[in-house]
Amino acid sequence: MSDNKYVGFNNDKHGMTQLGRIVLDGWLFGFIPETEDCAGWEMGRMQMLMDRVQDEWDKYGNLPSRLPEDLRQRHVELYQKAMALAKTKGWNPELGEDD
């Protein structure tokens, strides 16, 4: 993040950051097209997307297992792809002692 702007999912450290997951969920719920990675978005705009995503997740108790089948499958596909990419960038899903 520089100058209070998001670097974008594709330029994010590994994509599995809080903002990266907001982009993934924005794609999941159709709030932004997959061609939009939010590069250059100011934090206020990211917050608006975050609010929309949170409102949508609230409908499903914030659990992927409660998503309708089509969205659940889409969630699996998006997150599997994102996690595989993140691992190539050095992401480790295991929390360390300092996390």
PDB file of N, CA and C in Angstrom:
ATOM      1  N   MET A   1       0.855  -1.170   0.000  1.00  0.00           N
ATOM      2  CA  MET A   1       0.000   0.000   0.000  1.00  0.00           C
ATOM      3  C   MET A   1       0.897   1.228   0.000  1.00  0.00           C
ATOM      4  N   SER A   2       0.681   2.131  -0.933  1.00  0.00           N
ATOM      5  CA  SER A   2       1.455   3.366  -0.956  1.00  0.00           C
ATOM      6  C   SER A   2       0.512   4.530  -1.192  1.00  0.00           C
ATOM      7  N   ASP A   3       0.834   5.645  -0.567  1.00  0.00           N
ATOM      8  CA  ASP A   3       0.016   6.842  -0.733  1.00  0.00           C
ATOM      9  C   ASP A   3      -1.462   6.569  -0.465  1.00  0.00           C
ATOM     10  N   ASN A   4      -1.717   5.697   0.507  1.00  0.00           N
ATOM     11  CA  ASN A   4      -3.080   5.378   0.904  1.00  0.00           C
ATOM     12  C   ASN A   4      -3.888   4.737  -0.223  1.00  0.00           C
ATOM     13  N   LYS A   5      -3.187   4.011  -1.093  1.00  0.00           N
ATOM     14  CA  LYS A   5      -3.839   3.295  -2.190  1.00  0.00           C
ATOM     15  C   LYS A   5      -3.431   1.831  -2.129  1.00  0.00           C
ATOM     16  N   TYR A   6      -4.363   0.975  -2.498  1.00  0.00           N
ATOM     17  CA  TYR A   6      -4.094  -0.457  -2.527  1.00  0.00           C
ATOM     18  C   TYR A   6      -3.301  -0.792  -3.784  1.00  0.00           C
ATOM     19  N   VAL A   7      -2.316  -1.653  -3.643  1.00  0.00           N
ATOM     20  CA  VAL A   7      -1.459  -2.025  -4.777  1.00  0.00           C
ATOM     21  C   VAL A   7      -2.171  -2.938  -5.762  1.00  0.00           C
ATOM     22  N   GLY A   8      -3.264  -3.551  -5.331  1.00  0.00           N
ATOM     23  CA  GLY A   8      -4.011  -4.465  -6.189  1.00  0.00           C
ATOM     24  C   GLY A   8      -3.714  -5.906  -5.842  1.00  0.00           C
ATOM     25  N   PHE A   9      -4.683  -6.749  -6.076  1.00  0.00           N
ATOM     26  CA  PHE A   9      -4.540  -8.164  -5.744  1.00  0.00           C
ATOM     27  C   PHE A   9      -3.317  -8.769  -6.422  1.00  0.00           C
ATOM     28  N   ASN A  10      -3.118  -8.470  -7.685  1.00  0.00           N
ATOM     29  CA  ASN A  10      -2.010  -9.079  -8.430  1.00  0.00           C
ATOM     30  C   ASN A  10      -0.642  -8.599  -7.968  1.00  0.00           C
ATOM     31  N   ASN A  11      -0.576  -7.447  -7.337  1.00  0.00           N
ATOM     32  CA  ASN A  11       0.691  -6.913  -6.841  1.00  0.00           C
ATOM     33  C   ASN A  11       0.807  -7.003  -5.329  1.00  0.00           C
ATOM     34  N   ASP A  12      -0.206  -7.545  -4.683  1.00  0.00           N
ATOM     35  CA  ASP A  12      -0.209  -7.706  -3.236  1.00  0.00           C
ATOM     36  C   ASP A  12       0.938  -8.648  -2.859  1.00  0.00           C
ATOM     37  N   LYS A  13       1.386  -8.535  -1.634  1.00  0.00           N
ATOM     38  CA  LYS A  13       2.504  -9.363  -1.153  1.00  0.00           C
ATOM     39  C   LYS A  13       2.332 -10.813  -1.579  1.00  0.00           C
ATOM     40  N   HIS A  14       1.172 -11.368  -1.320  1.00  0.00           N
ATOM     41  CA  HIS A  14       0.873 -12.737  -1.737  1.00  0.00           C
ATOM     42  C   HIS A  14      -0.614 -12.941  -2.032  1.00  0.00           C
ATOM     43  N   GLY A  15      -1.420 -11.905  -1.850  1.00  0.00           N
ATOM     44  CA  GLY A  15      -2.830 -11.982  -2.193  1.00  0.00           C
ATOM     45  C   GLY A  15      -3.741 -12.461  -1.082  1.00  0.00           C
ATOM     46  N   MET A  16      -3.182 -13.072  -0.056  1.00  0.00           N
ATOM     47  CA  MET A  16      -4.013 -13.586   1.027  1.00  0.00           C
ATOM     48  C   MET A  16      -4.041 -12.621   2.221  1.00  0.00           C
ATOM     49  N   THR A  17      -3.782 -11.374   1.949  1.00  0.00           N
ATOM     50  CA  THR A  17      -3.884 -10.338   2.974  1.00  0.00           C
ATOM     51  C   THR A  17      -5.365 -10.013   3.184  1.00  0.00           C
ATOM     52  N   GLN A  18      -5.635  -9.191   4.180  1.00  0.00           N
ATOM     53  CA  GLN A  18      -7.033  -8.809   4.428  1.00  0.00           C
ATOM     54  C   GLN A  18      -7.640  -8.156   3.190  1.00  0.00           C
ATOM     55  N   LEU A  19      -6.918  -7.234   2.577  1.00  0.00           N
ATOM     56  CA  LEU A  19      -7.450  -6.568   1.391  1.00  0.00           C
ATOM     57  C   LEU A  19      -7.534  -7.520   0.205  1.00  0.00           C
ATOM     58  N   GLY A  20      -6.581  -8.413   0.092  1.00  0.00           N
ATOM     59  CA  GLY A  20      -6.628  -9.407  -0.978  1.00  0.00           C
ATOM     60  C   GLY A  20      -7.860 -10.286  -0.882  1.00  0.00           C
ATOM     61  N   ARG A  21      -8.203 -10.676   0.329  1.00  0.00           N
ATOM     62  CA  ARG A  21      -9.400 -11.508   0.523  1.00  0.00           C
ATOM     63  C   ARG A  21     -10.670 -10.720   0.224  1.00  0.00           C
ATOM     64  N   ILE A  22     -10.644  -9.420   0.459  1.00  0.00           N
ATOM     65  CA  ILE A  22     -11.804  -8.591   0.105  1.00  0.00           C
ATOM     66  C   ILE A  22     -11.991  -8.595  -1.414  1.00  0.00           C
ATOM     67  N   VAL A  23     -10.897  -8.510  -2.138  1.00  0.00           N
ATOM     68  CA  VAL A  23     -10.987  -8.567  -3.602  1.00  0.00           C
ATOM     69  C   VAL A  23     -11.544  -9.927  -4.032  1.00  0.00           C
ATOM     70  N   LEU A  24     -11.016 -11.009  -3.455  1.00  0.00           N
ATOM     71  CA  LEU A  24     -11.525 -12.340  -3.786  1.00  0.00           C
ATOM     72  C   LEU A  24     -13.026 -12.435  -3.538  1.00  0.00           C
ATOM     73  N   ASP A  25     -13.464 -11.912  -2.411  1.00  0.00           N
ATOM     74  CA  ASP A  25     -14.886 -11.973  -2.088  1.00  0.00           C
ATOM     75  C   ASP A  25     -15.703 -11.018  -2.948  1.00  0.00           C
ATOM     76  N   GLY A  26     -15.099  -9.915  -3.369  1.00  0.00           N
ATOM     77  CA  GLY A  26     -15.768  -9.027  -4.323  1.00  0.00           C
ATOM     78  C   GLY A  26     -16.021  -9.747  -5.635  1.00  0.00           C
ATOM     79  N   TRP A  27     -15.045 -10.556  -6.060  1.00  0.00           N
ATOM     80  CA  TRP A  27     -15.232 -11.378  -7.257  1.00  0.00           C
ATOM     81  C   TRP A  27     -16.305 -12.428  -7.012  1.00  0.00           C
ATOM     82  N   LEU A  28     -16.226 -13.082  -5.853  1.00  0.00           N
ATOM     83  CA  LEU A  28     -17.169 -14.141  -5.511  1.00  0.00           C
ATOM     84  C   LEU A  28     -18.608 -13.658  -5.617  1.00  0.00           C
ATOM     85  N   PHE A  29     -18.885 -12.525  -5.030  1.00  0.00           N
ATOM     86  CA  PHE A  29     -20.253 -12.021  -4.979  1.00  0.00           C
ATOM     87  C   PHE A  29     -20.632 -11.168  -6.185  1.00  0.00           C
ATOM     88  N   GLY A  30     -19.715 -11.013  -7.132  1.00  0.00           N
ATOM     89  CA  GLY A  30     -20.022 -10.281  -8.353  1.00  0.00           C
ATOM     90  C   GLY A  30     -20.045  -8.767  -8.190  1.00  0.00           C
ATOM     91  N   PHE A  31     -19.418  -8.259  -7.134  1.00  0.00           N
ATOM     92  CA  PHE A  31     -19.380  -6.809  -6.925  1.00  0.00           C
ATOM     93  C   PHE A  31     -18.372  -6.134  -7.843  1.00  0.00           C
ATOM     94  N   ILE A  32     -17.358  -6.873  -8.236  1.00  0.00           N
ATOM     95  CA  ILE A  32     -16.352  -6.377  -9.181  1.00  0.00           C
ATOM     96  C   ILE A  32     -16.039  -7.516 -10.146  1.00  0.00           C
ATOM     97  N   PRO A  33     -15.708  -7.190 -11.394  1.00  0.00           N
ATOM     98  CA  PRO A  33     -15.348  -8.250 -12.343  1.00  0.00           C
ATOM     99  C   PRO A  33     -13.962  -8.806 -11.995  1.00  0.00           C
ATOM    100  N   GLU A  34     -13.702 -10.031 -12.387  1.00  0.00           N
ATOM    101  CA  GLU A  34     -12.394 -10.634 -12.097  1.00  0.00           C
ATOM    102  C   GLU A  34     -11.248  -9.925 -12.802  1.00  0.00           C
ATOM    103  N   THR A  35     -11.552  -9.122 -13.777  1.00  0.00           N
ATOM    104  CA  THR A  35     -10.507  -8.343 -14.440  1.00  0.00           C
ATOM    105  C   THR A  35     -10.089  -7.146 -13.588  1.00  0.00           C
ATOM    106  N   GLU A  36     -10.857  -6.827 -12.543  1.00  0.00           N
ATOM    107  CA  GLU A  36     -10.563  -5.702 -11.647  1.00  0.00           C
ATOM    108  C   GLU A  36      -9.857  -6.228 -10.401  1.00  0.00           C
ATOM    109  N   ASP A  37      -8.583  -5.852 -10.223  1.00  0.00           N
ATOM    110  CA  ASP A  37      -7.872  -6.308  -9.026  1.00  0.00           C
ATOM    111  C   ASP A  37      -7.718  -5.195  -7.988  1.00  0.00           C
ATOM    112  N   CYS A  38      -8.377  -4.067  -8.252  1.00  0.00           N
ATOM    113  CA  CYS A  38      -8.445  -2.924  -7.330  1.00  0.00           C
ATOM    114  C   CYS A  38      -7.125  -2.161  -7.191  1.00  0.00           C
ATOM    115  N   ALA A  39      -6.218  -2.356  -8.128  1.00  0.00           N
ATOM    116  CA  ALA A  39      -4.958  -1.609  -8.106  1.00  0.00           C
ATOM    117  C   ALA A  39      -5.239  -0.111  -8.193  1.00  0.00           C
ATOM    118  N   GLY A  40      -4.629   0.634  -7.301  1.00  0.00           N
ATOM    119  CA  GLY A  40      -4.777   2.083  -7.291  1.00  0.00           C
ATOM    120  C   GLY A  40      -6.003   2.595  -6.569  1.00  0.00           C
ATOM    121  N   TRP A  41      -6.820   1.692  -6.039  1.00  0.00           N
ATOM    122  CA  TRP A  41      -8.009   2.124  -5.308  1.00  0.00           C
ATOM    123  C   TRP A  41      -7.595   2.780  -3.999  1.00  0.00           C
ATOM    124  N   GLU A  42      -8.199   3.912  -3.711  1.00  0.00           N
ATOM    125  CA  GLU A  42      -7.968   4.565  -2.426  1.00  0.00           C
ATOM    126  C   GLU A  42      -8.636   3.757  -1.331  1.00  0.00           C
ATOM    127  N   MET A  43      -8.143   3.919  -0.106  1.00  0.00           N
ATOM    128  CA  MET A  43      -8.641   3.122   1.005  1.00  0.00           C
ATOM    129  C   MET A  43     -10.137   3.339   1.256  1.00  0.00           C
ATOM    130  N   GLY A  44     -10.650   4.508   0.990  1.00  0.00           N
ATOM    131  CA  GLY A  44     -12.082   4.746   1.147  1.00  0.00           C
ATOM    132  C   GLY A  44     -12.898   3.874   0.213  1.00  0.00           C
ATOM    133  N   ARG A  45     -12.421   3.721  -1.000  1.00  0.00           N
ATOM    134  CA  ARG A  45     -13.113   2.876  -1.975  1.00  0.00           C
ATOM    135  C   ARG A  45     -13.003   1.405  -1.571  1.00  0.00           C
ATOM    136  N   MET A  46     -11.840   1.014  -1.070  1.00  0.00           N
ATOM    137  CA  MET A  46     -11.672  -0.358  -0.583  1.00  0.00           C
ATOM    138  C   MET A  46     -12.601  -0.612   0.599  1.00  0.00           C
ATOM    139  N   GLN A  47     -12.755   0.383   1.465  1.00  0.00           N
ATOM    140  CA  GLN A  47     -13.650   0.236   2.613  1.00  0.00           C
ATOM    141  C   GLN A  47     -15.091   0.035   2.157  1.00  0.00           C
ATOM    142  N   MET A  48     -15.494   0.742   1.116  1.00  0.00           N
ATOM    143  CA  MET A  48     -16.849   0.560   0.598  1.00  0.00           C
ATOM    144  C   MET A  48     -17.050  -0.870   0.073  1.00  0.00           C
ATOM    145  N   LEU A  49     -16.037  -1.395  -0.625  1.00  0.00           N
ATOM    146  CA  LEU A  49     -16.121  -2.773  -1.092  1.00  0.00           C
ATOM    147  C   LEU A  49     -16.158  -3.720   0.100  1.00  0.00           C
ATOM    148  N   MET A  50     -15.327  -3.450   1.099  1.00  0.00           N
ATOM    149  CA  MET A  50     -15.292  -4.279   2.296  1.00  0.00           C
ATOM    150  C   MET A  50     -16.659  -4.308   2.986  1.00  0.00           C
ATOM    151  N   ASP A  51     -17.314  -3.168   3.057  1.00  0.00           N
ATOM    152  CA  ASP A  51     -18.636  -3.090   3.676  1.00  0.00           C
ATOM    153  C   ASP A  51     -19.664  -3.911   2.897  1.00  0.00           C
ATOM    154  N   ARG A  52     -19.625  -3.817   1.581  1.00  0.00           N
ATOM    155  CA  ARG A  52     -20.554  -4.597   0.746  1.00  0.00           C
ATOM    156  C   ARG A  52     -20.321  -6.093   0.927  1.00  0.00           C
ATOM    157  N   VAL A  53     -19.036  -6.476   0.932  1.00  0.00           N
ATOM    158  CA  VAL A  53     -18.678  -7.884   1.115  1.00  0.00           C
ATOM    159  C   VAL A  53     -19.153  -8.366   2.486  1.00  0.00           C
ATOM    160  N   GLN A  54     -18.907  -7.569   3.519  1.00  0.00           N
ATOM    161  CA  GLN A  54     -19.325  -7.978   4.861  1.00  0.00           C
ATOM    162  C   GLN A  54     -20.843  -8.114   4.963  1.00  0.00           C
ATOM    163  N   ASP A  55     -21.561  -7.178   4.373  1.00  0.00           N
ATOM    164  CA  ASP A  55     -23.032  -7.263   4.386  1.00  0.00           C
ATOM    165  C   ASP A  55     -23.513  -8.548   3.700  1.00  0.00           C
ATOM    166  N   GLU A  56     -22.846  -8.926   2.619  1.00  0.00           N
ATOM    167  CA  GLU A  56     -23.234 -10.137   1.900  1.00  0.00           C
ATOM    168  C   GLU A  56     -22.897 -11.382   2.718  1.00  0.00           C
ATOM    169  N   TRP A  57     -21.699 -11.406   3.321  1.00  0.00           N
ATOM    170  CA  TRP A  57     -21.321 -12.548   4.156  1.00  0.00           C
ATOM    171  C   TRP A  57     -22.262 -12.709   5.344  1.00  0.00           C
ATOM    172  N   ASP A  58     -22.731 -11.593   5.879  1.00  0.00           N
ATOM    173  CA  ASP A  58     -23.653 -11.646   7.019  1.00  0.00           C
ATOM    174  C   ASP A  58     -24.902 -12.468   6.697  1.00  0.00           C
ATOM    175  N   LYS A  59     -25.327 -12.439   5.442  1.00  0.00           N
ATOM    176  CA  LYS A  59     -26.509 -13.201   5.025  1.00  0.00           C
ATOM    177  C   LYS A  59     -26.299 -14.709   5.173  1.00  0.00           C
ATOM    178  N   TYR A  60     -25.031 -15.122   5.178  1.00  0.00           N
ATOM    179  CA  TYR A  60     -24.689 -16.538   5.234  1.00  0.00           C
ATOM    180  C   TYR A  60     -23.954 -16.896   6.525  1.00  0.00           C
ATOM    181  N   GLY A  61     -24.094 -16.044   7.526  1.00  0.00           N
ATOM    182  CA  GLY A  61     -23.452 -16.315   8.809  1.00  0.00           C
ATOM    183  C   GLY A  61     -21.937 -16.343   8.726  1.00  0.00           C
ATOM    184  N   ASN A  62     -21.389 -15.712   7.706  1.00  0.00           N
ATOM    185  CA  ASN A  62     -19.938 -15.650   7.492  1.00  0.00           C
ATOM    186  C   ASN A  62     -19.306 -17.028   7.307  1.00  0.00           C
ATOM    187  N   LEU A  63     -20.081 -17.974   6.823  1.00  0.00           N
ATOM    188  CA  LEU A  63     -19.582 -19.342   6.631  1.00  0.00           C
ATOM    189  C   LEU A  63     -19.745 -19.784   5.185  1.00  0.00           C
ATOM    190  N   PRO A  64     -18.643 -20.166   4.534  1.00  0.00           N
ATOM    191  CA  PRO A  64     -18.759 -20.668   3.165  1.00  0.00           C
ATOM    192  C   PRO A  64     -19.710 -21.853   3.051  1.00  0.00           C
ATOM    193  N   SER A  65     -19.809 -22.658   4.082  1.00  0.00           N
ATOM    194  CA  SER A  65     -20.691 -23.829   4.029  1.00  0.00           C
ATOM    195  C   SER A  65     -22.167 -23.446   3.930  1.00  0.00           C
ATOM    196  N   ARG A  66     -22.500 -22.216   4.248  1.00  0.00           N
ATOM    197  CA  ARG A  66     -23.893 -21.766   4.164  1.00  0.00           C
ATOM    198  C   ARG A  66     -24.211 -21.060   2.843  1.00  0.00           C
ATOM    199  N   LEU A  67     -23.214 -20.935   1.987  1.00  0.00           N
ATOM    200  CA  LEU A  67     -23.450 -20.327   0.686  1.00  0.00           C
ATOM    201  C   LEU A  67     -24.307 -21.257  -0.167  1.00  0.00           C
ATOM    202  N   PRO A  68     -25.097 -20.706  -1.080  1.00  0.00           N
ATOM    203  CA  PRO A  68     -25.789 -21.561  -2.055  1.00  0.00           C
ATOM    204  C   PRO A  68     -24.738 -22.352  -2.843  1.00  0.00           C
ATOM    205  N   GLU A  69     -25.128 -23.493  -3.345  1.00  0.00           N
ATOM    206  CA  GLU A  69     -24.175 -24.402  -3.994  1.00  0.00           C
ATOM    207  C   GLU A  69     -23.317 -23.719  -5.055  1.00  0.00           C
ATOM    208  N   ASP A  70     -23.912 -22.895  -5.907  1.00  0.00           N
ATOM    209  CA  ASP A  70     -23.122 -22.250  -6.961  1.00  0.00           C
ATOM    210  C   ASP A  70     -22.062 -21.323  -6.378  1.00  0.00           C
ATOM    211  N   LEU A  71     -22.419 -20.553  -5.360  1.00  0.00           N
ATOM    212  CA  LEU A  71     -21.442 -19.664  -4.724  1.00  0.00           C
ATOM    213  C   LEU A  71     -20.410 -20.451  -3.927  1.00  0.00           C
ATOM    214  N   ARG A  72     -20.839 -21.523  -3.293  1.00  0.00           N
ATOM    215  CA  ARG A  72     -19.902 -22.341  -2.520  1.00  0.00           C
ATOM    216  C   ARG A  72     -18.831 -22.913  -3.448  1.00  0.00           C
ATOM    217  N   GLN A  73     -19.255 -23.419  -4.594  1.00  0.00           N
ATOM    218  CA  GLN A  73     -18.295 -23.966  -5.555  1.00  0.00           C
ATOM    219  C   GLN A  73     -17.376 -22.867  -6.083  1.00  0.00           C
ATOM    220  N   ARG A  74     -17.942 -21.725  -6.353  1.00  0.00           N
ATOM    221  CA  ARG A  74     -17.146 -20.583  -6.832  1.00  0.00           C
ATOM    222  C   ARG A  74     -16.127 -20.173  -5.779  1.00  0.00           C
ATOM    223  N   HIS A  75     -16.532 -20.164  -4.514  1.00  0.00           N
ATOM    224  CA  HIS A  75     -15.635 -19.837  -3.402  1.00  0.00           C
ATOM    225  C   HIS A  75     -14.451 -20.808  -3.375  1.00  0.00           C
ATOM    226  N   VAL A  76     -14.750 -22.094  -3.489  1.00  0.00           N
ATOM    227  CA  VAL A  76     -13.698 -23.112  -3.492  1.00  0.00           C
ATOM    228  C   VAL A  76     -12.720 -22.851  -4.634  1.00  0.00           C
ATOM    229  N   GLU A  77     -13.244 -22.611  -5.817  1.00  0.00           N
ATOM    230  CA  GLU A  77     -12.391 -22.388  -6.987  1.00  0.00           C
ATOM    231  C   GLU A  77     -11.511 -21.151  -6.815  1.00  0.00           C
ATOM    232  N   LEU A  78     -12.118 -20.043  -6.407  1.00  0.00           N
ATOM    233  CA  LEU A  78     -11.356 -18.799  -6.237  1.00  0.00           C
ATOM    234  C   LEU A  78     -10.268 -18.940  -5.185  1.00  0.00           C
ATOM    235  N   TYR A  79     -10.629 -19.508  -4.051  1.00  0.00           N
ATOM    236  CA  TYR A  79      -9.671 -19.594  -2.951  1.00  0.00           C
ATOM    237  C   TYR A  79      -8.594 -20.643  -3.199  1.00  0.00           C
ATOM    238  N   GLN A  80      -8.908 -21.746  -3.837  1.00  0.00           N
ATOM    239  CA  GLN A  80      -7.873 -22.734  -4.164  1.00  0.00           C
ATOM    240  C   GLN A  80      -6.842 -22.126  -5.104  1.00  0.00           C
ATOM    241  N   LYS A  81      -7.328 -21.424  -6.099  1.00  0.00           N
ATOM    242  CA  LYS A  81      -6.436 -20.776  -7.062  1.00  0.00           C
ATOM    243  C   LYS A  81      -5.587 -19.708  -6.365  1.00  0.00           C
ATOM    244  N   ALA A  82      -6.214 -18.892  -5.528  1.00  0.00           N
ATOM    245  CA  ALA A  82      -5.499 -17.821  -4.830  1.00  0.00           C
ATOM    246  C   ALA A  82      -4.468 -18.378  -3.852  1.00  0.00           C
ATOM    247  N   MET A  83      -4.819 -19.453  -3.138  1.00  0.00           N
ATOM    248  CA  MET A  83      -3.874 -20.038  -2.182  1.00  0.00           C
ATOM    249  C   MET A  83      -2.689 -20.676  -2.895  1.00  0.00           C
ATOM    250  N   ALA A  84      -2.939 -21.325  -4.020  1.00  0.00           N
ATOM    251  CA  ALA A  84      -1.837 -21.916  -4.789  1.00  0.00           C
ATOM    252  C   ALA A  84      -0.883 -20.825  -5.267  1.00  0.00           C
ATOM    253  N   LEU A  85      -1.434 -19.730  -5.762  1.00  0.00           N
ATOM    254  CA  LEU A  85      -0.606 -18.610  -6.201  1.00  0.00           C
ATOM    255  C   LEU A  85       0.153 -17.993  -5.032  1.00  0.00           C
ATOM    256  N   ALA A  86      -0.523 -17.833  -3.904  1.00  0.00           N
ATOM    257  CA  ALA A  86       0.101 -17.232  -2.721  1.00  0.00           C
ATOM    258  C   ALA A  86       1.285 -18.070  -2.240  1.00  0.00           C
ATOM    259  N   LYS A  87       1.138 -19.370  -2.297  1.00  0.00           N
ATOM    260  CA  LYS A  87       2.233 -20.249  -1.862  1.00  0.00           C
ATOM    261  C   LYS A  87       3.457 -20.068  -2.742  1.00  0.00           C
ATOM    262  N   THR A  88       3.266 -19.790  -4.045  1.00  0.00           N
ATOM    263  CA  THR A  88       4.414 -19.554  -4.925  1.00  0.00           C
ATOM    264  C   THR A  88       5.105 -18.243  -4.583  1.00  0.00           C
ATOM    265  N   LYS A  89       4.374 -17.354  -3.883  1.00  0.00           N
ATOM    266  CA  LYS A  89       4.930 -16.064  -3.473  1.00  0.00           C
ATOM    267  C   LYS A  89       5.439 -16.095  -2.029  1.00  0.00           C
ATOM    268  N   GLY A  90       5.487 -17.292  -1.438  1.00  0.00           N
ATOM    269  CA  GLY A  90       6.044 -17.431  -0.103  1.00  0.00           C
ATOM    270  C   GLY A  90       5.039 -17.413   1.036  1.00  0.00           C
ATOM    271  N   TRP A  91       3.749 -17.407   0.730  1.00  0.00           N
ATOM    272  CA  TRP A  91       2.737 -17.403   1.789  1.00  0.00           C
ATOM    273  C   TRP A  91       2.707 -18.744   2.489  1.00  0.00           C
ATOM    274  N   ASN A  92       2.628 -18.700   3.807  1.00  0.00           N
ATOM    275  CA  ASN A  92       2.510 -19.908   4.609  1.00  0.00           C
ATOM    276  C   ASN A  92       1.248 -19.764   5.454  1.00  0.00           C
ATOM    277  N   PRO A  93       0.261 -20.633   5.252  1.00  0.00           N
ATOM    278  CA  PRO A  93      -0.998 -20.494   5.988  1.00  0.00           C
ATOM    279  C   PRO A  93      -0.875 -20.803   7.482  1.00  0.00           C
ATOM    280  N   GLU A  94       0.197 -21.429   7.893  1.00  0.00           N
ATOM    281  CA  GLU A  94       0.409 -21.732   9.309  1.00  0.00           C
ATOM    282  C   GLU A  94       0.846 -20.476  10.037  1.00  0.00           C
ATOM    283  N   LEU A  95       0.194 -20.206  11.160  1.00  0.00           N
ATOM    284  CA  LEU A  95       0.569 -19.043  11.963  1.00  0.00           C
ATOM    285  C   LEU A  95       1.810 -19.359  12.780  1.00  0.00           C
ATOM    286  N   GLY A  96       2.706 -18.398  12.840  1.00  0.00           N
ATOM    287  CA  GLY A  96       3.880 -18.532  13.676  1.00  0.00           C
ATOM    288  C   GLY A  96       3.609 -17.978  15.057  1.00  0.00           C
ATOM    289  N   GLU A  97       4.604 -18.070  15.934  1.00  0.00           N
ATOM    290  CA  GLU A  97       4.450 -17.576  17.304  1.00  0.00           C
ATOM    291  C   GLU A  97       4.195 -16.078  17.367  1.00  0.00           C
ATOM    292  N   ASP A  98       4.655 -15.352  16.369  1.00  0.00           N
ATOM    293  CA  ASP A  98       4.514 -13.896  16.369  1.00  0.00           C
ATOM    294  C   ASP A  98       3.256 -13.433  15.660  1.00  0.00           C
ATOM    295  N   ASP A  99       2.443 -14.342  15.143  1.00  0.00           N
ATOM    296  CA  ASP A  99       1.233 -13.965  14.397  1.00  0.00           C
ATOM    297  C   ASP A  99       0.012 -13.950  15.284  1.00  0.00           C
TER     298      ASP A  99
END
